[in-house]
C-alpha atoms as a PDB file:
ATOM      1  CA  UNK A   1       9.888 -35.755 -17.265  1.00  0.00           C
ATOM      2  CA  UNK A   2      10.170 -36.023 -21.051  1.00  0.00           C
ATOM      3  CA  UNK A   3       9.247 -32.377 -21.611  1.00  0.00           C
ATOM      4  CA  UNK A   4       5.986 -32.627 -19.688  1.00  0.00           C
ATOM      5  CA  UNK A   5       5.081 -29.857 -17.284  1.00  0.00           C
ATOM      6  CA  UNK A   6       5.169 -30.775 -13.626  1.00  0.00           C
ATOM      7  CA  UNK A   7       6.086 -29.722 -10.141  1.00  0.00           C
ATOM      8  CA  UNK A   8       9.754 -29.006  -9.472  1.00  0.00           C
ATOM      9  CA  UNK A   9      11.014 -29.426  -5.915  1.00  0.00           C
ATOM     10  CA  UNK A  10      12.609 -26.435  -4.180  1.00  0.00           C
ATOM     11  CA  UNK A  11      16.288 -26.630  -3.337  1.00  0.00           C
ATOM     12  CA  UNK A  12      17.541 -27.243   0.187  1.00  0.00           C
ATOM     13  CA  UNK A  13      15.253 -26.540   3.103  1.00  0.00           C
ATOM     14  CA  UNK A  14      12.933 -24.160   1.252  1.00  0.00           C
ATOM     15  CA  UNK A  15       9.167 -24.638   1.054  1.00  0.00           C
ATOM     16  CA  UNK A  16       7.575 -23.966  -2.325  1.00  0.00           C
ATOM     17  CA  UNK A  17       4.138 -22.358  -2.456  1.00  0.00           C
ATOM     18  CA  UNK A  18       2.021 -22.810  -5.586  1.00  0.00           C
ATOM     19  CA  UNK A  19      -1.258 -20.998  -6.155  1.00  0.00           C
ATOM     20  CA  UNK A  20      -3.846 -20.489  -8.858  1.00  0.00           C
ATOM     21  CA  UNK A  21      -7.247 -18.956  -9.272  1.00  0.00           C
ATOM     22  CA  UNK A  22     -10.222 -19.304 -11.579  1.00  0.00           C
ATOM     23  CA  UNK A  23     -13.225 -17.150 -12.393  1.00  0.00           C
ATOM     24  CA  UNK A  24     -16.611 -18.815 -12.847  1.00  0.00           C
ATOM     25  CA  UNK A  25     -18.379 -18.288 -16.153  1.00  0.00           C
ATOM     26  CA  UNK A  26     -20.972 -16.091 -14.434  1.00  0.00           C
ATOM     27  CA  UNK A  27     -18.156 -13.558 -13.948  1.00  0.00           C
ATOM     28  CA  UNK A  28     -19.133 -12.891 -10.339  1.00  0.00           C
ATOM     29  CA  UNK A  29     -17.395 -15.636  -8.362  1.00  0.00           C
ATOM     30  CA  UNK A  30     -13.849 -16.882  -8.174  1.00  0.00           C
ATOM     31  CA  UNK A  31     -11.946 -19.643  -6.425  1.00  0.00           C
ATOM     32  CA  UNK A  32      -8.336 -19.888  -5.309  1.00  0.00           C
ATOM     33  CA  UNK A  33      -6.208 -22.882  -4.358  1.00  0.00           C
ATOM     34  CA  UNK A  34      -2.857 -22.829  -2.568  1.00  0.00           C
ATOM     35  CA  UNK A  35      -0.468 -25.654  -1.645  1.00  0.00           C
ATOM     36  CA  UNK A  36       2.913 -25.576   0.137  1.00  0.00           C
ATOM     37  CA  UNK A  37       5.464 -28.399  -0.213  1.00  0.00           C
ATOM     38  CA  UNK A  38       9.104 -28.921   0.810  1.00  0.00           C
ATOM     39  CA  UNK A  39      11.698 -30.736  -1.313  1.00  0.00           C
ATOM     40  CA  UNK A  40      10.185 -34.115  -0.357  1.00  0.00           C
ATOM     41  CA  UNK A  41       6.933 -33.166  -2.107  1.00  0.00           C
ATOM     42  CA  UNK A  42       4.418 -33.832   0.665  1.00  0.00           C
ATOM     43  CA  UNK A  43       1.817 -31.170   1.360  1.00  0.00           C
ATOM     44  CA  UNK A  44       2.646 -29.242   4.556  1.00  0.00           C
ATOM     45  CA  UNK A  45      -0.037 -26.559   4.181  1.00  0.00           C
ATOM     46  CA  UNK A  46      -2.927 -25.778   1.875  1.00  0.00           C
ATOM     47  CA  UNK A  47      -5.839 -23.408   1.551  1.00  0.00           C
ATOM     48  CA  UNK A  48      -8.799 -22.793  -0.704  1.00  0.00           C
ATOM     49  CA  UNK A  49     -10.909 -19.682  -0.919  1.00  0.00           C
ATOM     50  CA  UNK A  50     -14.123 -18.725  -2.677  1.00  0.00           C
ATOM     51  CA  UNK A  51     -14.851 -15.102  -3.447  1.00  0.00           C
ATOM     52  CA  UNK A  52     -17.973 -13.336  -4.625  1.00  0.00           C
ATOM     53  CA  UNK A  53     -18.301 -10.026  -6.458  1.00  0.00           C
ATOM     54  CA  UNK A  54     -15.093 -10.511  -8.425  1.00  0.00           C
ATOM     55  CA  UNK A  55     -15.401  -9.418 -12.041  1.00  0.00           C
ATOM     56  CA  UNK A  56     -11.958  -9.653 -13.650  1.00  0.00           C
ATOM     57  CA  UNK A  57      -9.518 -12.574 -13.911  1.00  0.00           C
ATOM     58  CA  UNK A  58      -6.781 -10.244 -12.642  1.00  0.00           C
ATOM     59  CA  UNK A  59      -8.707  -9.824  -9.384  1.00  0.00           C
ATOM     60  CA  UNK A  60      -8.850 -13.583  -8.896  1.00  0.00           C
ATOM     61  CA  UNK A  61      -5.126 -13.972  -9.645  1.00  0.00           C
ATOM     62  CA  UNK A  62      -4.345 -11.151  -7.190  1.00  0.00           C
ATOM     63  CA  UNK A  63      -6.356 -12.923  -4.500  1.00  0.00           C
ATOM     64  CA  UNK A  64      -4.513 -16.156  -5.346  1.00  0.00           C
ATOM     65  CA  UNK A  65      -1.166 -14.401  -4.889  1.00  0.00           C
ATOM     66  CA  UNK A  66      -2.367 -12.952  -1.579  1.00  0.00           C
ATOM     67  CA  UNK A  67      -3.513 -16.396  -0.430  1.00  0.00           C
ATOM     68  CA  UNK A  68      -0.133 -17.805  -1.453  1.00  0.00           C
ATOM     69  CA  UNK A  69       1.606 -15.151   0.606  1.00  0.00           C
ATOM     70  CA  UNK A  70      -0.542 -15.886   3.642  1.00  0.00           C
ATOM     71  CA  UNK A  71       0.078 -19.641   3.438  1.00  0.00           C
ATOM     72  CA  UNK A  72       3.786 -19.096   2.811  1.00  0.00           C
ATOM     73  CA  UNK A  73       4.142 -16.711   5.743  1.00  0.00           C
ATOM     74  CA  UNK A  74       2.317 -19.051   8.121  1.00  0.00           C
ATOM     75  CA  UNK A  75       4.285 -22.153   7.101  1.00  0.00           C
END
């Protein structure tokens, strides 16, 4: 990939779960996105969440990790 960042496939029969979160500039709402993909790269599960009353970026990232765990467990 010429040094560019990108998705790396999991080895074997594993499913890779990626997640991320963002806090809106108002500091009171956050969103989370989760996607699960096997070595072939197609999406086999996904989720998105919107939260209110979140104040800190760490809270949003924690919710993203939780969402990733839920999607991973259910896949």
